[in-house]
C-alpha atoms as a PDB file:
ATOM      1  CA  MET A   1      -7.564  -8.015 -17.545  1.00  0.00           C
ATOM      2  CA  LEU A   2      -6.714  -4.191 -17.551  1.00  0.00           C
ATOM      3  CA  SER A   3     -10.162  -2.364 -18.212  1.00  0.00           C
ATOM      4  CA  ASP A   4     -10.390   1.001 -20.807  1.00  0.00           C
ATOM      5  CA  TYR A   5     -11.318   2.899 -17.591  1.00  0.00           C
ATOM      6  CA  ASP A   6      -7.927   1.896 -15.682  1.00  0.00           C
ATOM      7  CA  ARG A   7      -5.899   2.092 -18.708  1.00  0.00           C
ATOM      8  CA  ASN A   8      -6.711   5.917 -19.366  1.00  0.00           C
ATOM      9  CA  HIS A   9      -7.105   6.972 -15.590  1.00  0.00           C
ATOM     10  CA  VAL A  10      -3.792   5.577 -14.271  1.00  0.00           C
ATOM     11  CA  ARG A  11      -2.970   9.233 -12.763  1.00  0.00           C
ATOM     12  CA  GLU A  12      -6.517   9.349 -11.025  1.00  0.00           C
ATOM     13  CA  LEU A  13      -6.593   5.962  -9.847  1.00  0.00           C
ATOM     14  CA  VAL A  14      -2.764   6.346  -8.198  1.00  0.00           C
ATOM     15  CA  GLU A  15      -3.816   9.630  -6.585  1.00  0.00           C
ATOM     16  CA  ASN A  16      -7.309   8.778  -5.205  1.00  0.00           C
ATOM     17  CA  PRO A  17      -7.619   7.084  -1.903  1.00  0.00           C
ATOM     18  CA  SER A  18     -10.908   6.060  -2.307  1.00  0.00           C
ATOM     19  CA  LYS A  19     -10.258   3.964  -5.576  1.00  0.00           C
ATOM     20  CA  ASP A  20      -9.576   0.681  -3.896  1.00  0.00           C
ATOM     21  CA  TRP A  21     -10.240  -2.370  -6.520  1.00  0.00           C
ATOM     22  CA  PHE A  22      -7.407  -4.557  -7.305  1.00  0.00           C
ATOM     23  CA  ARG A  23      -6.030  -2.800 -10.558  1.00  0.00           C
ATOM     24  CA  ALA A  24      -6.105   0.778  -8.438  1.00  0.00           C
ATOM     25  CA  VAL A  25      -4.145  -0.314  -5.448  1.00  0.00           C
ATOM     26  CA  LEU A  26      -1.704  -2.249  -7.878  1.00  0.00           C
ATOM     27  CA  PHE A  27      -1.281   1.011  -9.441  1.00  0.00           C
ATOM     28  CA  LYS A  28      -0.433   2.668  -5.906  1.00  0.00           C
ATOM     29  CA  PHE A  29       1.901  -0.138  -5.144  1.00  0.00           C
ATOM     30  CA  ILE A  30       3.730   0.352  -8.722  1.00  0.00           C
ATOM     31  CA  ASN A  31       3.955   3.758  -8.022  1.00  0.00           C
ATOM     32  CA  GLU A  32       5.121   3.643  -4.419  1.00  0.00           C
ATOM     33  CA  SER A  33       7.747   0.510  -5.373  1.00  0.00           C
ATOM     34  CA  ASP A  34      11.535   1.112  -6.101  1.00  0.00           C
ATOM     35  CA  ASP A  35      13.083  -0.366  -8.974  1.00  0.00           C
ATOM     36  CA  LEU A  36      13.676  -3.949  -7.806  1.00  0.00           C
ATOM     37  CA  THR A  37       9.890  -4.400  -6.625  1.00  0.00           C
ATOM     38  CA  ARG A  38       8.689  -2.874 -10.047  1.00  0.00           C
ATOM     39  CA  ASN A  39      10.791  -5.201 -11.876  1.00  0.00           C
ATOM     40  CA  GLN A  40       9.729  -8.110 -10.159  1.00  0.00           C
ATOM     41  CA  LEU A  41       6.174  -7.195 -10.928  1.00  0.00           C
ATOM     42  CA  ARG A  42       7.306  -6.518 -14.554  1.00  0.00           C
ATOM     43  CA  ASP A  43       7.243 -10.406 -15.223  1.00  0.00           C
ATOM     44  CA  GLU A  44       3.534 -10.437 -14.822  1.00  0.00           C
ATOM     45  CA  PHE A  45       1.936  -6.897 -14.994  1.00  0.00           C
ATOM     46  CA  SER A  46       4.076  -5.882 -17.597  1.00  0.00           C
ATOM     47  CA  GLU A  47       1.595  -3.343 -19.056  1.00  0.00           C
ATOM     48  CA  GLU A  48       0.399  -2.199 -15.503  1.00  0.00           C
ATOM     49  CA  VAL A  49       4.223  -1.474 -14.732  1.00  0.00           C
ATOM     50  CA  ASN A  50       4.557   0.051 -18.280  1.00  0.00           C
ATOM     51  CA  LEU A  51       1.475   2.535 -17.545  1.00  0.00           C
ATOM     52  CA  VAL A  52       2.085   3.802 -14.327  1.00  0.00           C
ATOM     53  CA  GLU A  53       5.858   4.532 -15.308  1.00  0.00           C
ATOM     54  CA  THR A  54       4.948   6.332 -18.170  1.00  0.00           C
ATOM     55  CA  GLU A  55       1.997   8.230 -16.586  1.00  0.00           C
ATOM     56  CA  MET A  56       3.794   8.910 -12.960  1.00  0.00           C
ATOM     57  CA  GLY A  57       7.450   9.226 -13.656  1.00  0.00           C
ATOM     58  CA  LEU A  58       9.971   8.193 -11.071  1.00  0.00           C
ATOM     59  CA  PRO A  59       7.874   6.683  -8.442  1.00  0.00           C
ATOM     60  CA  ILE A  60       8.507   7.315  -4.590  1.00  0.00           C
ATOM     61  CA  THR A  61      10.318   4.700  -2.984  1.00  0.00           C
ATOM     62  CA  ALA A  62       8.618   2.596  -0.370  1.00  0.00           C
ATOM     63  CA  GLY A  63      10.267  -0.255   1.444  1.00  0.00           C
ATOM     64  CA  GLY A  64      10.650  -2.526   4.280  1.00  0.00           C
ATOM     65  CA  GLU A  65       7.396  -2.649   6.537  1.00  0.00           C
ATOM     66  CA  GLN A  66       5.348  -0.300   4.396  1.00  0.00           C
ATOM     67  CA  ARG A  67       6.230  -2.413   1.215  1.00  0.00           C
ATOM     68  CA  THR A  68       5.386  -5.259   3.061  1.00  0.00           C
ATOM     69  CA  ASP A  69       1.770  -4.187   4.251  1.00  0.00           C
ATOM     70  CA  ARG A  70       0.947  -2.756   0.896  1.00  0.00           C
ATOM     71  CA  LEU A  71       1.537  -6.026  -1.002  1.00  0.00           C
ATOM     72  CA  LEU A  72      -0.455  -8.054   1.776  1.00  0.00           C
ATOM     73  CA  PHE A  73      -3.318  -5.285   1.460  1.00  0.00           C
ATOM     74  CA  LEU A  74      -3.002  -5.929  -2.610  1.00  0.00           C
ATOM     75  CA  PHE A  75      -2.764  -9.507  -2.176  1.00  0.00           C
ATOM     76  CA  ARG A  76      -6.148  -9.509  -0.016  1.00  0.00           C
ATOM     77  CA  LYS A  77      -7.757  -7.436  -2.912  1.00  0.00           C
ATOM     78  CA  SER A  78      -6.559  -9.993  -5.517  1.00  0.00           C
ATOM     79  CA  ASP A  79      -8.646 -12.835  -7.347  1.00  0.00           C
ATOM     80  CA  MET A  80      -7.050 -16.206  -7.679  1.00  0.00           C
ATOM     81  CA  ILE A  81      -5.565 -15.356 -11.183  1.00  0.00           C
ATOM     82  CA  ASN A  82      -3.697 -12.390  -9.655  1.00  0.00           C
ATOM     83  CA  ARG A  83      -3.393 -13.823  -6.467  1.00  0.00           C
ATOM     84  CA  ALA A  84      -0.854 -16.616  -8.420  1.00  0.00           C
ATOM     85  CA  LYS A  85       0.593 -13.540 -10.568  1.00  0.00           C
ATOM     86  CA  LEU A  86       1.591 -12.373  -7.204  1.00  0.00           C
ATOM     87  CA  LEU A  87       3.019 -15.053  -5.723  1.00  0.00           C
ATOM     88  CA  ALA A  88       5.140 -15.916  -8.880  1.00  0.00           C
ATOM     89  CA  CYS A  89       6.671 -12.137  -8.341  1.00  0.00           C
ATOM     90  CA  PHE A  90       7.426 -12.574  -4.845  1.00  0.00           C
ATOM     91  CA  PRO A  91       8.094 -16.136  -4.169  1.00  0.00           C
ATOM     92  CA  PHE A  92      10.256 -15.115  -0.887  1.00  0.00           C
ATOM     93  CA  ILE A  93       7.425 -13.456   0.795  1.00  0.00           C
ATOM     94  CA  ASP A  94       4.810 -15.908   2.702  1.00  0.00           C
ATOM     95  CA  LEU A  95       1.938 -13.912   1.445  1.00  0.00           C
ATOM     96  CA  GLU A  96      -0.932 -16.576   2.090  1.00  0.00           C
ATOM     97  CA  SER A  97       0.164 -17.475   5.724  1.00  0.00           C
ATOM     98  CA  LYS A  98      -0.054 -13.781   6.443  1.00  0.00           C
ATOM     99  CA  VAL A  99      -3.250 -13.038   4.870  1.00  0.00           C
ATOM    100  CA  TRP A 100      -5.093 -15.949   6.393  1.00  0.00           C
ATOM    101  CA  ARG A 101      -4.091 -15.556   9.967  1.00  0.00           C
END
């Protein structure tokens, strides 16, 4: 669930590297993602994607290995509910086996 603090401090959470809880990392990931990745995330995290798109404008594209590394970091920060949402968004990436190795 999105807190009022997270909802009202999107830019700060995206730009401050010391903010590293799940929503802050998710906001950073959304901001760095390409259109395809944002659309995959929108299925489960629509409010978060909309907030970042509105607050930050067009994101910087991050692809390939950098995107996978960021996604794995985000997956490690997630609780059980958010982990299930991420797995639903990215079924083609074997997140669980990469995290638990």
